Amino acid sequence: MAEAGFPAVTAGSWIGLLAPAKTPPAVLAKLSADMDAVLHQPDVRARLIDYGIDPVGGKPEQFQAFIKAEAVRWGEVVRKSGVKLE
């Protein structure tokens, strides 16, 4: 990003599990708890880390806040870059 004029911006990738809008909170909580439990299994963590993946896990609200923050952050980069939709 430094070459593009954004020396303070770092880029990375992430993977997350999403559910349809209006999924019942109890279902989201169950999916989240189960996924978090899997991500904390030592053998799963070790395998993911071997692949260069940082297994994070967390609550749906945390992931929602992260996605919103990413949209704001990258929206700012796009606006400042002057890129236009064609």
N, C-alpha and C. Protein backbone atom coordinates (compact mmCIF):
# COMPACT_ATOMS: atom_id res chain seq x y z
N MET A 1 0.82 -1.19 0.00
CA MET A 1 0.00 0.00 0.00
C MET A 1 0.86 1.26 0.00
N ALA A 2 2.08 1.14 0.50
CA ALA A 2 2.97 2.30 0.52
C ALA A 2 3.21 2.81 -0.89
N GLU A 3 3.39 1.89 -1.85
CA GLU A 3 3.64 2.28 -3.24
C GLU A 3 2.45 3.03 -3.83
N ALA A 4 1.26 2.79 -3.30
CA ALA A 4 0.05 3.44 -3.80
C ALA A 4 -0.23 4.75 -3.08
N GLY A 5 0.68 5.16 -2.18
CA GLY A 5 0.50 6.42 -1.48
C GLY A 5 -0.17 6.29 -0.12
N PHE A 6 -0.25 5.09 0.41
CA PHE A 6 -0.88 4.85 1.70
C PHE A 6 0.07 4.08 2.61
N PRO A 7 1.14 4.75 3.07
CA PRO A 7 2.16 4.04 3.85
C PRO A 7 1.66 3.49 5.19
N ALA A 8 0.62 4.06 5.75
CA ALA A 8 0.14 3.61 7.06
C ALA A 8 -0.90 2.50 6.96
N VAL A 9 -1.32 2.16 5.74
CA VAL A 9 -2.36 1.16 5.56
C VAL A 9 -1.73 -0.21 5.32
N THR A 10 -2.14 -1.18 6.09
CA THR A 10 -1.70 -2.55 5.87
C THR A 10 -2.88 -3.35 5.35
N ALA A 11 -2.59 -4.27 4.46
CA ALA A 11 -3.64 -5.09 3.87
C ALA A 11 -3.42 -6.54 4.26
N GLY A 12 -4.49 -7.21 4.51
CA GLY A 12 -4.45 -8.63 4.83
C GLY A 12 -5.74 -9.26 4.39
N SER A 13 -5.89 -10.51 4.66
CA SER A 13 -7.14 -11.18 4.32
C SER A 13 -7.72 -11.83 5.56
N TRP A 14 -8.99 -12.07 5.53
CA TRP A 14 -9.65 -12.74 6.65
C TRP A 14 -10.77 -13.61 6.10
N ILE A 15 -11.16 -14.56 6.90
CA ILE A 15 -12.23 -15.49 6.55
C ILE A 15 -13.20 -15.51 7.72
N GLY A 16 -14.47 -15.49 7.43
CA GLY A 16 -15.45 -15.54 8.50
C GLY A 16 -16.69 -16.31 8.08
N LEU A 17 -17.43 -16.75 9.05
CA LEU A 17 -18.68 -17.46 8.82
C LEU A 17 -19.82 -16.45 8.95
N LEU A 18 -20.63 -16.34 7.90
CA LEU A 18 -21.76 -15.42 7.89
C LEU A 18 -23.06 -16.21 7.82
N ALA A 19 -24.12 -15.59 8.29
CA ALA A 19 -25.44 -16.21 8.25
C ALA A 19 -26.41 -15.23 7.60
N PRO A 20 -27.53 -15.73 7.08
CA PRO A 20 -28.51 -14.83 6.47
C PRO A 20 -29.05 -13.81 7.48
N ALA A 21 -29.46 -12.67 6.94
CA ALA A 21 -30.11 -11.66 7.78
C ALA A 21 -31.31 -12.29 8.47
N LYS A 22 -31.60 -11.83 9.65
CA LYS A 22 -32.74 -12.29 10.46
C LYS A 22 -32.59 -13.73 10.96
N THR A 23 -31.36 -14.26 10.93
CA THR A 23 -31.13 -15.56 11.57
C THR A 23 -31.39 -15.37 13.06
N PRO A 24 -32.14 -16.25 13.68
CA PRO A 24 -32.44 -16.09 15.10
C PRO A 24 -31.17 -16.00 15.95
N PRO A 25 -31.16 -15.10 16.93
CA PRO A 25 -29.98 -14.93 17.79
C PRO A 25 -29.52 -16.23 18.45
N ALA A 26 -30.45 -17.10 18.81
CA ALA A 26 -30.06 -18.37 19.44
C ALA A 26 -29.26 -19.24 18.47
N VAL A 27 -29.63 -19.21 17.20
CA VAL A 27 -28.90 -19.98 16.18
C VAL A 27 -27.51 -19.38 15.99
N LEU A 28 -27.43 -18.06 15.91
CA LEU A 28 -26.12 -17.40 15.79
C LEU A 28 -25.23 -17.72 16.98
N ALA A 29 -25.80 -17.69 18.16
CA ALA A 29 -25.02 -17.98 19.37
C ALA A 29 -24.49 -19.41 19.34
N LYS A 30 -25.32 -20.35 18.92
CA LYS A 30 -24.90 -21.76 18.85
C LYS A 30 -23.80 -21.95 17.81
N LEU A 31 -23.99 -21.40 16.61
CA LEU A 31 -22.96 -21.50 15.57
C LEU A 31 -21.65 -20.88 16.04
N SER A 32 -21.75 -19.72 16.65
CA SER A 32 -20.56 -19.03 17.13
C SER A 32 -19.83 -19.83 18.21
N ALA A 33 -20.58 -20.34 19.16
CA ALA A 33 -19.97 -21.12 20.25
C ALA A 33 -19.31 -22.39 19.71
N ASP A 34 -19.98 -23.06 18.78
CA ASP A 34 -19.42 -24.28 18.21
C ASP A 34 -18.16 -23.98 17.40
N MET A 35 -18.20 -22.93 16.59
CA MET A 35 -17.03 -22.56 15.78
C MET A 35 -15.87 -22.15 16.69
N ASP A 36 -16.18 -21.40 17.72
CA ASP A 36 -15.14 -20.98 18.67
C ASP A 36 -14.50 -22.19 19.35
N ALA A 37 -15.33 -23.16 19.71
CA ALA A 37 -14.80 -24.37 20.35
C ALA A 37 -13.86 -25.12 19.41
N VAL A 38 -14.24 -25.22 18.15
CA VAL A 38 -13.39 -25.90 17.17
C VAL A 38 -12.08 -25.13 16.98
N LEU A 39 -12.16 -23.81 16.88
CA LEU A 39 -10.95 -23.01 16.67
C LEU A 39 -10.00 -23.06 17.86
N HIS A 40 -10.50 -23.44 19.01
CA HIS A 40 -9.64 -23.54 20.20
C HIS A 40 -9.12 -24.95 20.47
N GLN A 41 -9.48 -25.89 19.61
CA GLN A 41 -8.91 -27.24 19.75
C GLN A 41 -7.44 -27.18 19.34
N PRO A 42 -6.54 -27.67 20.18
CA PRO A 42 -5.10 -27.55 19.90
C PRO A 42 -4.68 -28.08 18.53
N ASP A 43 -5.23 -29.21 18.10
CA ASP A 43 -4.83 -29.75 16.80
C ASP A 43 -5.33 -28.89 15.65
N VAL A 44 -6.53 -28.35 15.78
CA VAL A 44 -7.08 -27.47 14.74
C VAL A 44 -6.27 -26.17 14.69
N ARG A 45 -6.02 -25.58 15.85
CA ARG A 45 -5.23 -24.34 15.90
C ARG A 45 -3.86 -24.55 15.26
N ALA A 46 -3.20 -25.65 15.63
CA ALA A 46 -1.86 -25.92 15.10
C ALA A 46 -1.89 -26.06 13.58
N ARG A 47 -2.88 -26.76 13.06
CA ARG A 47 -2.99 -26.95 11.61
C ARG A 47 -3.23 -25.62 10.90
N LEU A 48 -4.14 -24.81 11.43
CA LEU A 48 -4.41 -23.51 10.81
C LEU A 48 -3.18 -22.62 10.86
N ILE A 49 -2.51 -22.59 11.98
CA ILE A 49 -1.29 -21.78 12.10
C ILE A 49 -0.23 -22.25 11.12
N ASP A 50 -0.11 -23.57 10.93
CA ASP A 50 0.83 -24.11 9.94
C ASP A 50 0.53 -23.59 8.54
N TYR A 51 -0.75 -23.35 8.26
CA TYR A 51 -1.17 -22.82 6.96
C TYR A 51 -1.07 -21.30 6.88
N GLY A 52 -0.59 -20.67 7.94
CA GLY A 52 -0.47 -19.21 7.95
C GLY A 52 -1.74 -18.49 8.35
N ILE A 53 -2.66 -19.21 8.95
CA ILE A 53 -3.94 -18.63 9.36
C ILE A 53 -3.91 -18.36 10.86
N ASP A 54 -4.36 -17.17 11.25
CA ASP A 54 -4.44 -16.80 12.66
C ASP A 54 -5.87 -17.03 13.13
N PRO A 55 -6.16 -18.17 13.77
CA PRO A 55 -7.53 -18.45 14.19
C PRO A 55 -7.96 -17.54 15.34
N VAL A 56 -8.98 -16.73 15.10
CA VAL A 56 -9.39 -15.74 16.09
C VAL A 56 -10.64 -16.17 16.85
N GLY A 57 -11.72 -16.42 16.15
CA GLY A 57 -12.98 -16.74 16.82
C GLY A 57 -13.58 -15.51 17.46
N GLY A 58 -14.59 -15.70 18.28
CA GLY A 58 -15.24 -14.58 18.96
C GLY A 58 -16.74 -14.63 18.82
N LYS A 59 -17.36 -13.57 19.26
CA LYS A 59 -18.82 -13.45 19.25
C LYS A 59 -19.30 -12.81 17.95
N PRO A 60 -20.55 -13.09 17.53
CA PRO A 60 -21.08 -12.48 16.31
C PRO A 60 -21.00 -10.95 16.32
N GLU A 61 -21.23 -10.35 17.48
CA GLU A 61 -21.19 -8.88 17.57
C GLU A 61 -19.78 -8.35 17.29
N GLN A 62 -18.78 -9.08 17.73
CA GLN A 62 -17.40 -8.67 17.48
C GLN A 62 -17.09 -8.74 15.99
N PHE A 63 -17.53 -9.80 15.34
CA PHE A 63 -17.28 -9.96 13.91
C PHE A 63 -18.03 -8.90 13.12
N GLN A 64 -19.26 -8.61 13.52
CA GLN A 64 -20.04 -7.57 12.86
C GLN A 64 -19.34 -6.22 12.97
N ALA A 65 -18.82 -5.91 14.14
CA ALA A 65 -18.10 -4.65 14.33
C ALA A 65 -16.83 -4.62 13.48
N PHE A 66 -16.14 -5.75 13.38
CA PHE A 66 -14.93 -5.84 12.56
C PHE A 66 -15.26 -5.57 11.09
N ILE A 67 -16.31 -6.21 10.58
CA ILE A 67 -16.69 -6.03 9.18
C ILE A 67 -17.05 -4.57 8.92
N LYS A 68 -17.80 -3.95 9.81
CA LYS A 68 -18.15 -2.53 9.64
C LYS A 68 -16.91 -1.66 9.64
N ALA A 69 -15.97 -1.94 10.54
CA ALA A 69 -14.73 -1.16 10.61
C ALA A 69 -13.92 -1.33 9.33
N GLU A 70 -13.88 -2.54 8.78
CA GLU A 70 -13.17 -2.79 7.53
C GLU A 70 -13.80 -1.99 6.38
N ALA A 71 -15.14 -1.95 6.33
CA ALA A 71 -15.82 -1.20 5.28
C ALA A 71 -15.49 0.29 5.37
N VAL A 72 -15.46 0.82 6.58
CA VAL A 72 -15.11 2.23 6.78
C VAL A 72 -13.66 2.47 6.36
N ARG A 73 -12.77 1.60 6.83
CA ARG A 73 -11.34 1.76 6.55
C ARG A 73 -11.06 1.72 5.05
N TRP A 74 -11.59 0.70 4.36
CA TRP A 74 -11.31 0.58 2.94
C TRP A 74 -12.10 1.60 2.12
N GLY A 75 -13.26 2.01 2.60
CA GLY A 75 -13.99 3.09 1.92
C GLY A 75 -13.17 4.37 1.90
N GLU A 76 -12.51 4.64 3.02
CA GLU A 76 -11.65 5.83 3.11
C GLU A 76 -10.48 5.72 2.13
N VAL A 77 -9.88 4.56 2.03
CA VAL A 77 -8.76 4.37 1.09
C VAL A 77 -9.24 4.59 -0.34
N VAL A 78 -10.39 4.03 -0.69
CA VAL A 78 -10.92 4.18 -2.04
C VAL A 78 -11.21 5.65 -2.33
N ARG A 79 -11.86 6.35 -1.39
CA ARG A 79 -12.16 7.77 -1.60
C ARG A 79 -10.89 8.59 -1.78
N LYS A 80 -9.90 8.36 -0.94
CA LYS A 80 -8.65 9.13 -1.03
C LYS A 80 -7.84 8.78 -2.27
N SER A 81 -8.03 7.58 -2.79
CA SER A 81 -7.26 7.16 -3.97
C SER A 81 -7.75 7.85 -5.24
N GLY A 82 -9.00 8.28 -5.23
CA GLY A 82 -9.56 8.91 -6.42
C GLY A 82 -10.07 7.92 -7.45
N VAL A 83 -10.07 6.65 -7.13
CA VAL A 83 -10.57 5.63 -8.05
C VAL A 83 -12.05 5.89 -8.33
N LYS A 84 -12.43 5.78 -9.58
CA LYS A 84 -13.83 6.00 -9.97
C LYS A 84 -14.40 4.74 -10.61
N LEU A 85 -15.65 4.46 -10.33
CA LEU A 85 -16.35 3.33 -10.92
C LEU A 85 -16.65 3.64 -12.38
N GLU A 86 -16.34 2.70 -13.25
CA GLU A 86 -16.62 2.91 -14.68
C GLU A 86 -17.74 2.02 -15.13
